[in-house]
Amino acid sequence: MDQQRSAAPQRPASRLAVGVVSAGRVGSVVGAALTRAGHRVVAASAVSDASLARVARHLPGAEILPAPDVVAAAELVLIAVPDDAIAPLVASLPVRPGQIWVHTSGALGADVLRPARDAGALTVALAPAMTFTGRDEDLERLAGVSWAITGEAEARFVGEALVLEMGGEPEHVDEADRARYHAALVYAANHLMTLVNDAADQLRAIGVANPQRLLSPLVSASLDNALRHGDAGLTGPVSRGDAGTVARHLGALAGTGIEDVYRTMARRTAERALASGRLQSTDAEGLLDVLAQPLKEES
């Protein structure tokens, strides 16, 4: 297996001329990671002041060019535009047979690059399971993360080689599964951000001066428990079937804008707790009754 892995993806082991379209938060950082791996970012498209600053910071050797000229200069074309813009962009760009075309969308597979593939390019979807904030730590966070790879056999080998060169872990995802894969990541990462910020707002509203400091150990421990132990790491009133506490929570959250979200998450937590044996059905009856009834508004 190791021999196959080292032999199959020899193509990107040589220094490739990389063109980045465009130098946003993701494109500039992935371009920098490719530079660290020994490739050369020779050109990038950048229009806004923020993108120009990212090129100066992360891709100092790159020439700023229009997207068609970036592609013409590249052996490896890195497409890093918003998801909905990929298909029309790819259809508008020139393709040189033998080029490698990569996009960084988590939600889309390699089919969106079909015009490039039909014109003779090798195409692969290559998305890191990481969030990009535009801060300096983005590049360091790429070390060791998993990358979703989708493409035909040769393309997958090339994508795997690029990921390994950048210090990542390849994860092969079928074309038909990309949307579900990405939904899972958004569900975990983006929704977690919303949950934590909503919780911080509630604490701030009752006078807690530094809710982030208060929440950090608790949320960090909960995340660690979830990743280490799955449903067995669940604690709190839902796992105990404590209907009275949950009812008081719903009453306290009335009018805050998150009562319905709390109810939905508590119901889903109860379902998982029941399925895993963490919560017994006899203990869940009162809890589920509370969660099934909308809170009565006071007259």
Protein backbone atom coordinates (compact mmCIF):
# COMPACT_ATOMS: atom_id res chain seq x y z
CA MET A 1 0.00 0.00 0.00
CA ASP A 2 2.78 2.44 0.91
CA GLN A 3 4.55 1.60 -2.32
CA GLN A 4 1.38 2.27 -4.32
CA ARG A 5 0.82 5.56 -2.53
CA SER A 6 4.37 6.76 -3.15
CA ALA A 7 4.50 5.52 -6.76
CA ALA A 8 1.10 6.58 -8.08
CA PRO A 9 1.12 10.31 -7.34
CA GLN A 10 4.59 11.19 -8.66
CA ARG A 11 3.25 13.93 -10.89
CA PRO A 12 2.93 16.72 -8.29
CA ALA A 13 6.20 15.78 -6.59
CA SER A 14 8.02 18.11 -9.01
CA ARG A 15 7.79 21.86 -8.58
CA LEU A 16 4.59 23.07 -10.22
CA ALA A 17 3.79 26.58 -11.36
CA VAL A 18 0.59 27.44 -9.46
CA GLY A 19 -2.03 29.99 -10.46
CA VAL A 20 -4.52 31.09 -7.79
CA VAL A 21 -8.01 32.21 -8.87
CA SER A 22 -8.75 34.09 -6.61
CA ALA A 23 -6.65 35.24 -3.64
CA GLY A 24 -9.41 35.29 -1.04
CA ARG A 25 -9.18 33.87 2.47
CA VAL A 26 -8.96 30.28 1.23
CA GLY A 27 -7.03 30.68 -2.02
CA SER A 28 -4.24 32.75 -0.53
CA VAL A 29 -3.70 30.33 2.37
CA VAL A 30 -3.83 27.17 0.25
CA GLY A 31 -1.46 28.86 -2.19
CA ALA A 32 0.90 29.57 0.71
CA ALA A 33 0.65 25.93 1.81
CA LEU A 34 1.56 24.80 -1.70
CA THR A 35 4.53 27.18 -1.61
CA ARG A 36 5.67 25.59 1.65
CA ALA A 37 5.39 22.21 -0.06
CA GLY A 38 7.87 23.35 -2.70
CA HIS A 39 5.62 24.58 -5.51
CA ARG A 40 5.71 28.10 -6.99
CA VAL A 41 2.71 30.40 -7.00
CA VAL A 42 3.51 32.38 -10.14
CA ALA A 43 0.27 34.31 -10.58
CA ALA A 44 -2.90 35.22 -8.73
CA SER A 45 -6.07 37.16 -9.45
CA ALA A 46 -6.92 39.81 -6.87
CA VAL A 47 -9.13 42.86 -7.13
CA SER A 48 -10.04 44.12 -3.66
CA ASP A 49 -7.59 45.79 -1.32
CA ALA A 50 -7.97 42.85 1.06
CA SER A 51 -7.07 40.33 -1.66
CA LEU A 52 -4.10 42.41 -2.79
CA ALA A 53 -2.89 42.51 0.81
CA ARG A 54 -3.23 38.72 1.07
CA VAL A 55 -1.12 38.24 -2.05
CA ALA A 56 1.57 40.50 -0.61
CA ARG A 57 1.51 38.60 2.69
CA HIS A 58 1.05 34.99 1.60
CA LEU A 59 2.08 34.89 -2.08
CA PRO A 60 4.85 37.47 -2.42
CA GLY A 61 6.26 35.95 -5.61
CA ALA A 62 2.96 35.97 -7.48
CA GLU A 63 2.18 38.36 -10.33
CA ILE A 64 -1.26 39.97 -10.14
CA LEU A 65 -3.08 39.07 -13.38
CA PRO A 66 -6.63 38.70 -14.72
CA ALA A 67 -8.03 35.20 -14.22
CA PRO A 68 -7.49 34.01 -17.84
CA ASP A 69 -3.83 35.06 -17.68
CA VAL A 70 -3.41 33.36 -14.29
CA VAL A 71 -4.64 30.12 -15.85
CA ALA A 72 -2.39 30.52 -18.89
CA ALA A 73 0.67 30.87 -16.63
CA ALA A 74 -0.10 27.84 -14.48
CA GLU A 75 0.50 24.12 -14.48
CA LEU A 76 -1.68 23.78 -11.38
CA VAL A 77 -4.80 25.98 -11.44
CA LEU A 78 -6.31 26.60 -8.00
CA ILE A 79 -9.92 27.82 -8.16
CA ALA A 80 -10.96 29.38 -4.85
CA VAL A 81 -14.06 31.42 -5.61
CA PRO A 82 -17.52 31.08 -3.94
CA ASP A 83 -19.34 27.84 -4.76
CA ASP A 84 -21.95 29.32 -7.09
CA ALA A 85 -19.29 31.13 -9.11
CA ILE A 86 -17.17 28.06 -9.92
CA ALA A 87 -19.16 26.60 -12.83
CA PRO A 88 -19.54 29.82 -14.87
CA LEU A 89 -15.95 30.78 -14.15
CA VAL A 90 -14.54 27.44 -15.27
CA ALA A 91 -16.63 27.57 -18.44
CA SER A 92 -15.14 30.97 -19.29
CA LEU A 93 -11.45 30.18 -18.76
CA PRO A 94 -8.90 28.79 -21.23
CA VAL A 95 -7.62 25.28 -20.60
CA ARG A 96 -4.29 23.80 -21.57
CA PRO A 97 -4.28 20.00 -21.88
CA GLY A 98 -2.17 18.43 -19.16
CA GLN A 99 -2.87 21.10 -16.56
CA ILE A 100 -4.10 20.15 -13.09
CA TRP A 101 -7.27 21.99 -12.07
CA VAL A 102 -8.29 22.05 -8.41
CA HIS A 103 -11.12 23.78 -6.59
CA THR A 104 -11.44 24.22 -2.83
CA SER A 105 -15.22 24.05 -2.34
CA GLY A 106 -16.29 21.62 0.35
CA ALA A 107 -19.83 21.29 -1.02
CA LEU A 108 -19.01 20.51 -4.66
CA GLY A 109 -17.27 17.56 -6.25
CA ALA A 110 -15.13 17.41 -9.37
CA ASP A 111 -18.03 17.47 -11.84
CA VAL A 112 -18.19 21.26 -11.63
CA LEU A 113 -14.76 21.25 -13.33
CA ARG A 114 -16.04 19.12 -16.23
CA PRO A 115 -15.32 21.78 -18.94
CA ALA A 116 -11.65 21.74 -17.93
CA ARG A 117 -11.59 17.95 -17.83
CA ASP A 118 -13.23 17.72 -21.25
CA ALA A 119 -10.52 20.04 -22.58
CA GLY A 120 -7.75 17.75 -21.35
CA ALA A 121 -7.04 18.89 -17.79
CA LEU A 122 -6.83 16.60 -14.80
CA THR A 123 -9.49 17.79 -12.33
CA VAL A 124 -9.97 17.23 -8.60
CA ALA A 125 -11.98 18.75 -5.77
CA LEU A 126 -9.70 19.37 -2.80
CA ALA A 127 -11.22 20.99 0.31
CA PRO A 128 -9.63 21.31 3.75
CA ALA A 129 -11.87 20.65 6.75
CA MET A 130 -10.97 23.98 8.30
CA THR A 131 -12.48 27.41 8.75
CA PHE A 132 -10.70 30.46 7.35
CA THR A 133 -11.03 33.80 9.14
CA GLY A 134 -8.47 35.85 7.22
CA ARG A 135 -6.13 35.94 10.21
CA ASP A 136 -2.47 34.94 10.30
CA GLU A 137 -3.18 31.67 12.14
CA ASP A 138 -5.11 30.25 9.16
CA LEU A 139 -1.98 28.85 7.54
CA GLU A 140 -0.74 27.21 10.73
CA ARG A 141 -4.15 25.61 11.30
CA LEU A 142 -3.84 23.71 8.02
CA ALA A 143 -1.16 21.43 9.46
CA GLY A 144 -2.59 17.96 10.02
CA VAL A 145 -6.17 18.69 8.94
CA SER A 146 -8.21 16.37 6.74
CA TRP A 147 -8.96 17.27 3.12
CA ALA A 148 -11.94 15.94 1.16
CA ILE A 149 -10.72 14.60 -2.20
CA THR A 150 -13.09 13.87 -5.08
CA GLY A 151 -12.13 12.97 -8.63
CA GLU A 152 -11.42 10.12 -11.00
CA ALA A 153 -8.72 7.62 -10.14
CA GLU A 154 -5.64 9.45 -11.44
CA ALA A 155 -6.95 12.76 -10.15
CA ARG A 156 -7.49 11.29 -6.68
CA PHE A 157 -3.87 10.12 -6.59
CA VAL A 158 -2.67 13.59 -7.57
CA GLY A 159 -4.95 15.21 -5.00
CA GLU A 160 -3.71 12.83 -2.34
CA ALA A 161 -0.10 13.68 -3.16
CA LEU A 162 -0.78 17.43 -2.94
CA VAL A 163 -2.53 17.02 0.42
CA LEU A 164 0.30 14.93 1.84
CA GLU A 165 2.84 17.47 0.61
CA MET A 166 0.93 20.20 2.45
CA GLY A 167 0.99 18.15 5.67
CA GLY A 168 -2.69 17.17 5.50
CA GLU A 169 -4.64 13.93 5.74
CA PRO A 170 -6.53 12.80 2.60
CA GLU A 171 -10.16 11.73 2.95
CA HIS A 172 -11.80 10.38 -0.22
CA VAL A 173 -15.43 11.51 -0.63
CA ASP A 174 -17.62 10.33 -3.51
CA GLU A 175 -19.12 12.91 -5.86
CA ALA A 176 -22.67 12.08 -4.73
CA ASP A 177 -21.72 12.53 -1.06
CA ARG A 178 -20.09 15.96 -1.21
CA ALA A 179 -23.20 17.93 -0.21
CA ARG A 180 -23.87 15.67 2.77
CA TYR A 181 -20.20 15.78 3.75
CA HIS A 182 -20.20 19.57 3.67
CA ALA A 183 -23.53 19.80 5.51
CA ALA A 184 -22.02 17.76 8.35
CA LEU A 185 -19.07 20.14 8.60
CA VAL A 186 -21.31 23.22 8.56
CA TYR A 187 -23.62 21.64 11.13
CA ALA A 188 -20.69 21.05 13.46
CA ALA A 189 -18.59 24.17 12.90
CA ASN A 190 -20.86 27.04 11.86
CA HIS A 191 -23.77 26.04 14.06
CA LEU A 192 -21.43 25.59 17.01
CA MET A 193 -20.32 29.18 16.48
CA THR A 194 -23.95 30.33 16.57
CA LEU A 195 -24.76 28.27 19.67
CA VAL A 196 -21.77 29.59 21.60
CA ASN A 197 -22.40 33.20 20.61
CA ASP A 198 -26.09 32.88 21.51
CA ALA A 199 -25.10 31.49 24.91
CA ALA A 200 -22.64 34.34 25.42
CA ASP A 201 -25.40 36.84 24.62
CA GLN A 202 -27.66 35.33 27.31
CA LEU A 203 -24.90 35.55 29.90
CA ARG A 204 -24.03 39.09 28.88
CA ALA A 205 -27.68 40.07 29.21
CA ILE A 206 -27.75 39.03 32.88
CA GLY A 207 -24.58 40.91 33.70
CA VAL A 208 -21.75 38.41 33.14
CA ALA A 209 -18.83 40.67 32.20
CA ASN A 210 -16.74 38.11 30.32
CA PRO A 211 -18.98 35.29 29.04
CA GLN A 212 -16.24 33.96 26.75
CA ARG A 213 -14.00 33.25 29.74
CA LEU A 214 -16.86 31.60 31.60
CA LEU A 215 -17.87 29.42 28.66
CA SER A 216 -14.44 28.44 27.38
CA PRO A 217 -13.61 25.59 29.82
CA LEU A 218 -17.15 24.19 29.66
CA VAL A 219 -17.49 24.28 25.88
CA SER A 220 -13.96 22.96 25.37
CA ALA A 221 -14.60 20.04 27.73
CA SER A 222 -17.95 19.28 26.06
CA LEU A 223 -16.35 19.28 22.61
CA ASP A 224 -13.57 17.00 23.84
CA ASN A 225 -16.12 14.64 25.41
CA ALA A 226 -18.14 14.51 22.17
CA LEU A 227 -15.10 13.75 20.04
CA ARG A 228 -13.66 11.21 22.47
CA HIS A 229 -16.77 9.47 23.76
CA GLY A 230 -19.65 10.21 21.40
CA ASP A 231 -23.10 10.07 23.01
CA ALA A 232 -21.59 8.49 26.12
CA GLY A 233 -20.06 11.90 26.93
CA LEU A 234 -23.48 13.60 27.23
CA THR A 235 -24.31 15.32 30.52
CA GLY A 236 -26.98 17.79 31.65
CA PRO A 237 -30.71 17.87 32.31
CA VAL A 238 -31.81 16.17 29.09
CA SER A 239 -29.60 13.14 29.75
CA ARG A 240 -31.18 12.92 33.22
CA GLY A 241 -34.75 13.40 31.98
CA ASP A 242 -35.04 16.47 34.19
CA ALA A 243 -38.25 17.91 32.74
CA GLY A 244 -38.67 20.57 35.40
CA THR A 245 -35.29 22.15 34.70
CA VAL A 246 -35.87 22.13 30.95
CA ALA A 247 -39.28 23.75 31.44
CA ARG A 248 -37.69 26.49 33.55
CA HIS A 249 -35.07 27.02 30.83
CA LEU A 250 -37.76 27.46 28.20
CA GLY A 251 -39.59 29.94 30.41
CA ALA A 252 -36.43 31.94 31.03
CA LEU A 253 -35.63 32.05 27.30
CA ALA A 254 -39.08 33.25 26.21
CA GLY A 255 -38.70 36.37 24.10
CA THR A 256 -34.93 36.03 23.68
CA GLY A 257 -35.12 34.67 20.13
CA ILE A 258 -33.52 31.33 20.96
CA GLU A 259 -36.30 29.51 22.81
CA ASP A 260 -37.33 27.56 19.70
CA VAL A 261 -33.71 26.68 18.93
CA TYR A 262 -33.23 25.44 22.51
CA ARG A 263 -36.41 23.34 22.20
CA THR A 264 -35.31 21.82 18.89
CA MET A 265 -31.79 21.03 20.14
CA ALA A 266 -33.12 19.59 23.41
CA ARG A 267 -35.50 17.34 21.46
CA ARG A 268 -32.69 16.14 19.21
CA THR A 269 -30.44 15.60 22.24
CA ALA A 270 -33.20 13.54 23.87
CA GLU A 271 -33.53 11.41 20.72
CA ARG A 272 -29.80 10.67 20.74
CA ALA A 273 -29.80 10.02 24.49
CA LEU A 274 -32.67 7.55 24.12
CA ALA A 275 -31.08 5.79 21.13
CA SER A 276 -27.76 5.39 22.96
CA GLY A 277 -29.34 4.19 26.22
CA ARG A 278 -28.14 7.28 28.03
CA LEU A 279 -31.76 8.23 28.79
CA GLN A 280 -34.37 5.62 29.73
CA SER A 281 -37.80 5.84 28.12
CA THR A 282 -39.52 5.99 31.51
CA ASP A 283 -37.43 9.02 32.45
CA ALA A 284 -38.02 10.68 29.10
CA GLU A 285 -41.82 10.87 29.16
CA GLY A 286 -42.15 14.09 31.13
CA LEU A 287 -39.24 15.68 29.28
CA LEU A 288 -40.72 14.91 25.87
CA ASP A 289 -44.09 16.27 27.00
CA VAL A 290 -42.43 19.56 27.94
CA LEU A 291 -40.57 19.75 24.64
CA ALA A 292 -43.70 18.94 22.63
CA GLN A 293 -45.74 21.80 24.09
CA PRO A 294 -45.11 25.37 22.98
CA LEU A 295 -44.68 27.71 25.92
CA LYS A 296 -47.95 29.44 26.84
CA GLU A 297 -47.71 33.20 26.62
CA GLU A 298 -48.72 35.10 29.71
CA SER A 299 -51.83 37.20 29.24
